PDB file of N, CA and C in Angstrom:
ATOM      1  N   MET A   1     -78.069 -91.848  12.594  1.00  0.00           N
ATOM      2  CA  MET A   1     -77.532 -90.527  12.368  1.00  0.00           C
ATOM      3  C   MET A   1     -78.354 -89.891  11.245  1.00  0.00           C
ATOM      4  N   HIS A   2     -78.848 -88.577  11.512  1.00  0.00           N
ATOM      5  CA  HIS A   2     -79.614 -87.921  10.612  1.00  0.00           C
ATOM      6  C   HIS A   2     -78.686 -86.726  10.109  1.00  0.00           C
ATOM      7  N   ASN A   3     -78.808 -86.679   8.708  1.00  0.00           N
ATOM      8  CA  ASN A   3     -77.967 -85.589   7.877  1.00  0.00           C
ATOM      9  C   ASN A   3     -78.908 -84.383   7.663  1.00  0.00           C
ATOM     10  N   ASP A   4     -78.374 -83.306   8.067  1.00  0.00           N
ATOM     11  CA  ASP A   4     -79.152 -82.097   7.884  1.00  0.00           C
ATOM     12  C   ASP A   4     -78.700 -81.394   6.580  1.00  0.00           C
ATOM     13  N   SER A   5     -79.628 -81.526   5.546  1.00  0.00           N
ATOM     14  CA  SER A   5     -79.148 -80.854   4.228  1.00  0.00           C
ATOM     15  C   SER A   5     -78.971 -79.548   4.252  1.00  0.00           C
ATOM     16  N   THR A   6     -79.456 -78.771   5.343  1.00  0.00           N
ATOM     17  CA  THR A   6     -79.261 -77.240   5.342  1.00  0.00           C
ATOM     18  C   THR A   6     -78.044 -76.933   6.279  1.00  0.00           C
ATOM     19  N   ALA A   7     -77.364 -77.810   6.781  1.00  0.00           N
ATOM     20  CA  ALA A   7     -76.293 -77.599   7.591  1.00  0.00           C
ATOM     21  C   ALA A   7     -75.107 -76.949   6.858  1.00  0.00           C
ATOM     22  N   ASN A   8     -74.918 -77.337   5.547  1.00  0.00           N
ATOM     23  CA  ASN A   8     -73.787 -76.722   4.883  1.00  0.00           C
ATOM     24  C   ASN A   8     -74.492 -76.118   3.745  1.00  0.00           C
ATOM     25  N   SER A   9     -74.664 -74.803   3.644  1.00  0.00           N
ATOM     26  CA  SER A   9     -75.271 -74.142   2.708  1.00  0.00           C
ATOM     27  C   SER A   9     -74.292 -73.607   1.450  1.00  0.00           C
ATOM     28  N   THR A  10     -73.184 -74.168   1.387  1.00  0.00           N
ATOM     29  CA  THR A  10     -72.240 -73.807   0.283  1.00  0.00           C
ATOM     30  C   THR A  10     -72.692 -74.453  -1.032  1.00  0.00           C
ATOM     31  N   GLN A  11     -72.793 -73.755  -2.033  1.00  0.00           N
ATOM     32  CA  GLN A  11     -73.118 -74.095  -3.462  1.00  0.00           C
ATOM     33  C   GLN A  11     -72.191 -73.529  -4.221  1.00  0.00           C
ATOM     34  N   LEU A  12     -72.208 -74.191  -5.520  1.00  0.00           N
ATOM     35  CA  LEU A  12     -71.238 -73.634  -6.617  1.00  0.00           C
ATOM     36  C   LEU A  12     -72.082 -72.915  -7.580  1.00  0.00           C
ATOM     37  N   VAL A  13     -71.666 -71.624  -7.791  1.00  0.00           N
ATOM     38  CA  VAL A  13     -72.418 -70.775  -8.431  1.00  0.00           C
ATOM     39  C   VAL A  13     -71.623 -70.317  -9.614  1.00  0.00           C
ATOM     40  N   ARG A  14     -72.039 -70.111 -10.891  1.00  0.00           N
ATOM     41  CA  ARG A  14     -71.321 -69.693 -11.990  1.00  0.00           C
ATOM     42  C   ARG A  14     -71.746 -68.296 -12.263  1.00  0.00           C
ATOM     43  N   TYR A  15     -70.660 -67.446 -12.712  1.00  0.00           N
ATOM     44  CA  TYR A  15     -70.922 -66.026 -13.026  1.00  0.00           C
ATOM     45  C   TYR A  15     -70.230 -65.836 -14.373  1.00  0.00           C
ATOM     46  N   GLN A  16     -71.030 -64.898 -15.118  1.00  0.00           N
ATOM     47  CA  GLN A  16     -70.347 -64.487 -16.395  1.00  0.00           C
ATOM     48  C   GLN A  16     -70.003 -63.043 -16.176  1.00  0.00           C
ATOM     49  N   LEU A  17     -68.635 -62.778 -16.420  1.00  0.00           N
ATOM     50  CA  LEU A  17     -68.308 -61.498 -16.260  1.00  0.00           C
ATOM     51  C   LEU A  17     -67.914 -60.749 -17.681  1.00  0.00           C
ATOM     52  N   HIS A  18     -68.420 -59.723 -17.912  1.00  0.00           N
ATOM     53  CA  HIS A  18     -68.226 -58.893 -19.053  1.00  0.00           C
ATOM     54  C   HIS A  18     -67.105 -58.132 -18.874  1.00  0.00           C
ATOM     55  N   LEU A  19     -66.118 -58.201 -19.716  1.00  0.00           N
ATOM     56  CA  LEU A  19     -64.842 -57.554 -19.623  1.00  0.00           C
ATOM     57  C   LEU A  19     -64.560 -56.558 -20.712  1.00  0.00           C
ATOM     58  N   SER A  20     -63.799 -55.581 -20.505  1.00  0.00           N
ATOM     59  CA  SER A  20     -63.392 -54.550 -21.659  1.00  0.00           C
ATOM     60  C   SER A  20     -62.872 -55.432 -22.754  1.00  0.00           C
ATOM     61  N   PRO A  21     -63.382 -55.359 -24.063  1.00  0.00           N
ATOM     62  CA  PRO A  21     -62.933 -56.141 -25.156  1.00  0.00           C
ATOM     63  C   PRO A  21     -61.490 -56.050 -25.630  1.00  0.00           C
ATOM     64  N   GLU A  22     -60.769 -54.994 -25.142  1.00  0.00           N
ATOM     65  CA  GLU A  22     -59.487 -54.787 -25.614  1.00  0.00           C
ATOM     66  C   GLU A  22     -58.501 -55.521 -25.056  1.00  0.00           C
ATOM     67  N   ALA A  23     -58.733 -56.314 -23.983  1.00  0.00           N
ATOM     68  CA  ALA A  23     -57.857 -57.110 -23.136  1.00  0.00           C
ATOM     69  C   ALA A  23     -56.710 -57.908 -24.119  1.00  0.00           C
ATOM     70  N   ASN A  24     -55.487 -57.930 -23.818  1.00  0.00           N
ATOM     71  CA  ASN A  24     -54.622 -58.641 -24.582  1.00  0.00           C
ATOM     72  C   ASN A  24     -54.271 -59.979 -23.910  1.00  0.00           C
ATOM     73  N   ASP A  25     -53.510 -60.748 -24.593  1.00  0.00           N
ATOM     74  CA  ASP A  25     -53.162 -62.049 -24.028  1.00  0.00           C
ATOM     75  C   ASP A  25     -52.519 -61.921 -22.726  1.00  0.00           C
ATOM     76  N   GLN A  26     -51.559 -60.982 -22.431  1.00  0.00           N
ATOM     77  CA  GLN A  26     -50.856 -60.903 -21.153  1.00  0.00           C
ATOM     78  C   GLN A  26     -51.884 -60.490 -20.056  1.00  0.00           C
ATOM     79  N   GLN A  27     -52.783 -59.602 -20.362  1.00  0.00           N
ATOM     80  CA  GLN A  27     -53.777 -59.110 -19.410  1.00  0.00           C
ATOM     81  C   GLN A  27     -54.715 -60.398 -18.956  1.00  0.00           C
ATOM     82  N   LEU A  28     -55.099 -61.160 -19.959  1.00  0.00           N
ATOM     83  CA  LEU A  28     -55.879 -62.354 -19.762  1.00  0.00           C
ATOM     84  C   LEU A  28     -55.171 -63.439 -19.009  1.00  0.00           C
ATOM     85  N   VAL A  29     -53.928 -63.535 -19.105  1.00  0.00           N
ATOM     86  CA  VAL A  29     -53.026 -64.557 -18.220  1.00  0.00           C
ATOM     87  C   VAL A  29     -53.173 -63.956 -16.847  1.00  0.00           C
ATOM     88  N   ALA A  30     -52.950 -62.768 -16.616  1.00  0.00           N
ATOM     89  CA  ALA A  30     -52.793 -62.075 -15.322  1.00  0.00           C
ATOM     90  C   ALA A  30     -54.260 -62.145 -14.668  1.00  0.00           C
ATOM     91  N   ALA A  31     -55.273 -61.990 -15.479  1.00  0.00           N
ATOM     92  CA  ALA A  31     -56.677 -62.038 -14.977  1.00  0.00           C
ATOM     93  C   ALA A  31     -57.050 -63.467 -14.518  1.00  0.00           C
ATOM     94  N   ARG A  32     -56.450 -64.545 -15.155  1.00  0.00           N
ATOM     95  CA  ARG A  32     -56.845 -65.883 -14.933  1.00  0.00           C
ATOM     96  C   ARG A  32     -56.245 -66.141 -13.547  1.00  0.00           C
ATOM     97  N   THR A  33     -54.817 -65.599 -13.239  1.00  0.00           N
ATOM     98  CA  THR A  33     -54.094 -65.937 -12.151  1.00  0.00           C
ATOM     99  C   THR A  33     -54.871 -65.175 -10.912  1.00  0.00           C
ATOM    100  N   LEU A  34     -55.243 -63.915 -11.187  1.00  0.00           N
ATOM    101  CA  LEU A  34     -55.961 -63.078 -10.225  1.00  0.00           C
ATOM    102  C   LEU A  34     -57.211 -63.732  -9.729  1.00  0.00           C
ATOM    103  N   LEU A  35     -58.085 -64.342 -10.708  1.00  0.00           N
ATOM    104  CA  LEU A  35     -59.230 -64.910 -10.450  1.00  0.00           C
ATOM    105  C   LEU A  35     -59.054 -66.217  -9.492  1.00  0.00           C
ATOM    106  N   THR A  36     -58.093 -66.949  -9.941  1.00  0.00           N
ATOM    107  CA  THR A  36     -57.866 -68.269  -9.180  1.00  0.00           C
ATOM    108  C   THR A  36     -57.375 -67.924  -7.773  1.00  0.00           C
ATOM    109  N   GLN A  37     -56.515 -66.829  -7.588  1.00  0.00           N
ATOM    110  CA  GLN A  37     -56.101 -66.436  -6.285  1.00  0.00           C
ATOM    111  C   GLN A  37     -57.350 -66.080  -5.473  1.00  0.00           C
ATOM    112  N   GLN A  38     -58.314 -65.403  -5.985  1.00  0.00           N
ATOM    113  CA  GLN A  38     -59.562 -64.999  -5.274  1.00  0.00           C
ATOM    114  C   GLN A  38     -60.460 -66.177  -5.007  1.00  0.00           C
ATOM    115  N   GLY A  39     -60.129 -67.400  -5.406  1.00  0.00           N
ATOM    116  CA  GLY A  39     -60.977 -68.548  -5.080  1.00  0.00           C
ATOM    117  C   GLY A  39     -61.904 -68.987  -6.206  1.00  0.00           C
ATOM    118  N   PHE A  40     -61.883 -68.334  -7.240  1.00  0.00           N
ATOM    119  CA  PHE A  40     -62.681 -68.728  -8.394  1.00  0.00           C
ATOM    120  C   PHE A  40     -62.067 -69.723  -9.321  1.00  0.00           C
ATOM    121  N   VAL A  41     -62.924 -70.749  -9.846  1.00  0.00           N
ATOM    122  CA  VAL A  41     -62.565 -71.662 -10.854  1.00  0.00           C
ATOM    123  C   VAL A  41     -62.855 -70.982 -12.278  1.00  0.00           C
ATOM    124  N   VAL A  42     -61.832 -70.806 -13.111  1.00  0.00           N
ATOM    125  CA  VAL A  42     -62.120 -70.220 -14.412  1.00  0.00           C
ATOM    126  C   VAL A  42     -62.480 -71.209 -15.350  1.00  0.00           C
ATOM    127  N   ASP A  43     -63.729 -71.105 -15.844  1.00  0.00           N
ATOM    128  CA  ASP A  43     -64.081 -72.084 -16.875  1.00  0.00           C
ATOM    129  C   ASP A  43     -63.918 -71.534 -18.400  1.00  0.00           C
ATOM    130  N   GLN A  44     -64.003 -70.304 -18.646  1.00  0.00           N
ATOM    131  CA  GLN A  44     -63.747 -69.626 -19.905  1.00  0.00           C
ATOM    132  C   GLN A  44     -63.217 -68.122 -19.607  1.00  0.00           C
ATOM    133  N   LEU A  45     -62.083 -67.983 -20.599  1.00  0.00           N
ATOM    134  CA  LEU A  45     -61.627 -66.581 -20.426  1.00  0.00           C
ATOM    135  C   LEU A  45     -61.211 -66.100 -21.866  1.00  0.00           C
ATOM    136  N   ALA A  46     -61.799 -65.131 -22.297  1.00  0.00           N
ATOM    137  CA  ALA A  46     -61.494 -64.469 -23.639  1.00  0.00           C
ATOM    138  C   ALA A  46     -61.621 -62.982 -23.574  1.00  0.00           C
ATOM    139  N   PRO A  47     -61.066 -62.341 -24.506  1.00  0.00           N
ATOM    140  CA  PRO A  47     -61.352 -60.908 -24.503  1.00  0.00           C
ATOM    141  C   PRO A  47     -62.955 -60.703 -24.495  1.00  0.00           C
ATOM    142  N   GLY A  48     -63.284 -59.773 -23.587  1.00  0.00           N
ATOM    143  CA  GLY A  48     -64.580 -59.445 -23.545  1.00  0.00           C
ATOM    144  C   GLY A  48     -65.471 -60.376 -22.649  1.00  0.00           C
ATOM    145  N   GLU A  49     -65.041 -61.435 -22.283  1.00  0.00           N
ATOM    146  CA  GLU A  49     -65.799 -62.262 -21.423  1.00  0.00           C
ATOM    147  C   GLU A  49     -65.085 -63.362 -20.446  1.00  0.00           C
ATOM    148  N   ALA A  50     -65.562 -63.707 -19.281  1.00  0.00           N
ATOM    149  CA  ALA A  50     -65.079 -64.694 -18.531  1.00  0.00           C
ATOM    150  C   ALA A  50     -66.194 -65.398 -17.924  1.00  0.00           C
ATOM    151  N   VAL A  51     -66.037 -66.694 -17.744  1.00  0.00           N
ATOM    152  CA  VAL A  51     -66.994 -67.547 -16.998  1.00  0.00           C
ATOM    153  C   VAL A  51     -66.295 -68.125 -15.897  1.00  0.00           C
ATOM    154  N   VAL A  52     -66.804 -67.881 -14.631  1.00  0.00           N
ATOM    155  CA  VAL A  52     -66.090 -68.527 -13.429  1.00  0.00           C
ATOM    156  C   VAL A  52     -67.121 -69.160 -12.592  1.00  0.00           C
ATOM    157  N   ALA A  53     -66.620 -69.961 -11.671  1.00  0.00           N
ATOM    158  CA  ALA A  53     -67.465 -70.708 -10.780  1.00  0.00           C
ATOM    159  C   ALA A  53     -66.945 -70.351  -9.342  1.00  0.00           C
ATOM    160  N   PHE A  54     -67.757 -70.197  -8.199  1.00  0.00           N
ATOM    161  CA  PHE A  54     -67.405 -69.967  -7.014  1.00  0.00           C
ATOM    162  C   PHE A  54     -68.188 -70.821  -6.097  1.00  0.00           C
ATOM    163  N   ALA A  55     -67.519 -71.560  -5.125  1.00  0.00           N
ATOM    164  CA  ALA A  55     -68.113 -72.180  -4.050  1.00  0.00           C
ATOM    165  C   ALA A  55     -68.409 -71.316  -2.860  1.00  0.00           C
ATOM    166  N   GLN A  56     -69.627 -71.107  -2.511  1.00  0.00           N
ATOM    167  CA  GLN A  56     -70.030 -69.922  -1.676  1.00  0.00           C
ATOM    168  C   GLN A  56     -71.087 -70.342  -0.835  1.00  0.00           C
ATOM    169  N   GLY A  57     -71.194 -69.640   0.368  1.00  0.00           N
ATOM    170  CA  GLY A  57     -72.326 -69.615   1.210  1.00  0.00           C
ATOM    171  C   GLY A  57     -72.935 -68.186   1.013  1.00  0.00           C
ATOM    172  N   GLY A  58     -72.454 -67.183   0.427  1.00  0.00           N
ATOM    173  CA  GLY A  58     -73.051 -65.900  -0.052  1.00  0.00           C
ATOM    174  C   GLY A  58     -72.334 -65.442  -1.271  1.00  0.00           C
ATOM    175  N   ASP A  59     -72.601 -64.212  -1.547  1.00  0.00           N
ATOM    176  CA  ASP A  59     -72.090 -63.563  -2.850  1.00  0.00           C
ATOM    177  C   ASP A  59     -70.562 -63.242  -2.594  1.00  0.00           C
ATOM    178  N   PRO A  60     -69.905 -63.375  -3.643  1.00  0.00           N
ATOM    179  CA  PRO A  60     -68.383 -63.029  -3.598  1.00  0.00           C
ATOM    180  C   PRO A  60     -68.224 -61.531  -3.364  1.00  0.00           C
ATOM    181  N   ASP A  61     -67.115 -61.059  -2.793  1.00  0.00           N
ATOM    182  CA  ASP A  61     -66.938 -59.603  -2.639  1.00  0.00           C
ATOM    183  C   ASP A  61     -66.204 -59.143  -3.878  1.00  0.00           C
ATOM    184  N   TRP A  62     -66.997 -58.508  -4.841  1.00  0.00           N
ATOM    185  CA  TRP A  62     -66.559 -58.203  -6.139  1.00  0.00           C
ATOM    186  C   TRP A  62     -65.664 -56.910  -6.154  1.00  0.00           C
ATOM    187  N   GLU A  63     -65.790 -56.152  -5.234  1.00  0.00           N
ATOM    188  CA  GLU A  63     -65.053 -54.812  -5.280  1.00  0.00           C
ATOM    189  C   GLU A  63     -63.502 -55.046  -5.452  1.00  0.00           C
ATOM    190  N   PRO A  64     -62.872 -55.952  -4.539  1.00  0.00           N
ATOM    191  CA  PRO A  64     -61.524 -56.192  -4.736  1.00  0.00           C
ATOM    192  C   PRO A  64     -61.077 -56.836  -5.992  1.00  0.00           C
ATOM    193  N   VAL A  65     -62.066 -57.584  -6.576  1.00  0.00           N
ATOM    194  CA  VAL A  65     -61.738 -58.234  -7.914  1.00  0.00           C
ATOM    195  C   VAL A  65     -61.733 -57.282  -8.951  1.00  0.00           C
ATOM    196  N   LYS A  66     -62.911 -56.208  -8.976  1.00  0.00           N
ATOM    197  CA  LYS A  66     -62.874 -55.294  -9.941  1.00  0.00           C
ATOM    198  C   LYS A  66     -61.749 -54.313  -9.806  1.00  0.00           C
ATOM    199  N   GLU A  67     -61.286 -53.897  -8.643  1.00  0.00           N
ATOM    200  CA  GLU A  67     -60.202 -53.091  -8.512  1.00  0.00           C
ATOM    201  C   GLU A  67     -58.865 -53.605  -9.017  1.00  0.00           C
ATOM    202  N   ALA A  68     -58.701 -54.936  -8.736  1.00  0.00           N
ATOM    203  CA  ALA A  68     -57.562 -55.562  -9.388  1.00  0.00           C
ATOM    204  C   ALA A  68     -57.516 -55.648 -10.899  1.00  0.00           C
ATOM    205  N   PHE A  69     -58.744 -55.874 -11.421  1.00  0.00           N
ATOM    206  CA  PHE A  69     -58.782 -55.736 -12.779  1.00  0.00           C
ATOM    207  C   PHE A  69     -58.513 -54.439 -13.469  1.00  0.00           C
ATOM    208  N   ARG A  70     -58.975 -53.393 -12.754  1.00  0.00           N
ATOM    209  CA  ARG A  70     -58.590 -51.964 -13.104  1.00  0.00           C
ATOM    210  C   ARG A  70     -57.165 -51.777 -13.089  1.00  0.00           C
ATOM    211  N   LYS A  71     -56.394 -52.321 -12.120  1.00  0.00           N
ATOM    212  CA  LYS A  71     -54.966 -52.215 -12.175  1.00  0.00           C
ATOM    213  C   LYS A  71     -54.392 -53.028 -13.290  1.00  0.00           C
ATOM    214  N   LEU A  72     -54.992 -53.998 -13.825  1.00  0.00           N
ATOM    215  CA  LEU A  72     -54.459 -54.752 -14.942  1.00  0.00           C
ATOM    216  C   LEU A  72     -54.733 -53.959 -16.133  1.00  0.00           C
ATOM    217  N   GLY A  73     -55.509 -52.986 -16.073  1.00  0.00           N
ATOM    218  CA  GLY A  73     -56.059 -52.303 -17.326  1.00  0.00           C
ATOM    219  C   GLY A  73     -56.978 -52.941 -18.141  1.00  0.00           C
ATOM    220  N   CYS A  74     -57.754 -53.840 -17.466  1.00  0.00           N
ATOM    221  CA  CYS A  74     -58.894 -54.636 -18.144  1.00  0.00           C
ATOM    222  C   CYS A  74     -60.153 -54.482 -17.053  1.00  0.00           C
ATOM    223  N   SER A  75     -61.027 -53.780 -17.520  1.00  0.00           N
ATOM    224  CA  SER A  75     -62.179 -53.588 -16.458  1.00  0.00           C
ATOM    225  C   SER A  75     -63.252 -54.702 -16.591  1.00  0.00           C
ATOM    226  N   ILE A  76     -64.035 -54.964 -15.421  1.00  0.00           N
ATOM    227  CA  ILE A  76     -65.217 -55.637 -15.591  1.00  0.00           C
ATOM    228  C   ILE A  76     -66.348 -54.700 -15.607  1.00  0.00           C
ATOM    229  N   THR A  77     -67.011 -54.840 -16.690  1.00  0.00           N
ATOM    230  CA  THR A  77     -68.123 -53.937 -16.894  1.00  0.00           C
ATOM    231  C   THR A  77     -69.523 -54.387 -16.474  1.00  0.00           C
ATOM    232  N   HIS A  78     -69.678 -55.798 -16.303  1.00  0.00           N
ATOM    233  CA  HIS A  78     -70.962 -56.270 -15.800  1.00  0.00           C
ATOM    234  C   HIS A  78     -70.721 -57.631 -15.352  1.00  0.00           C
ATOM    235  N   ILE A  79     -71.461 -58.028 -14.262  1.00  0.00           N
ATOM    236  CA  ILE A  79     -71.487 -59.354 -13.883  1.00  0.00           C
ATOM    237  C   ILE A  79     -72.917 -59.989 -13.621  1.00  0.00           C
ATOM    238  N   ILE A  80     -73.199 -61.006 -14.151  1.00  0.00           N
ATOM    239  CA  ILE A  80     -74.437 -61.845 -14.014  1.00  0.00           C
ATOM    240  C   ILE A  80     -74.196 -63.247 -13.585  1.00  0.00           C
ATOM    241  N   THR A  81     -75.099 -63.837 -12.928  1.00  0.00           N
ATOM    242  CA  THR A  81     -75.031 -65.282 -12.827  1.00  0.00           C
ATOM    243  C   THR A  81     -75.210 -66.069 -13.957  1.00  0.00           C
ATOM    244  N   ALA A  82     -74.525 -67.131 -14.324  1.00  0.00           N
ATOM    245  CA  ALA A  82     -74.627 -67.764 -15.539  1.00  0.00           C
ATOM    246  C   ALA A  82     -75.412 -69.074 -15.290  1.00  0.00           C
ATOM    247  N   GLU A  83     -76.124 -69.487 -16.301  1.00  0.00           N
ATOM    248  CA  GLU A  83     -76.794 -70.731 -16.222  1.00  0.00           C
ATOM    249  C   GLU A  83     -76.005 -71.955 -16.469  1.00  0.00           C
TER     250      GLU A  83
END
């Protein structure tokens, strides 16, 4: 039996999210819940920053996540892949 290493292209990718720095504890708890519901594993979460991981075959759809954060009163200002 031959295993094709390209058959499953899912990989774990880490992202650093720059958040509005004025987020309070209640917003951060809600943000953690929101991120996990969207399939992210939350590594770090603090005012101004979140580091999350996502198992993916492509890029996450960030627009619903950004919109949900806006509704929380805590915006995502920038997203980069984390090392």
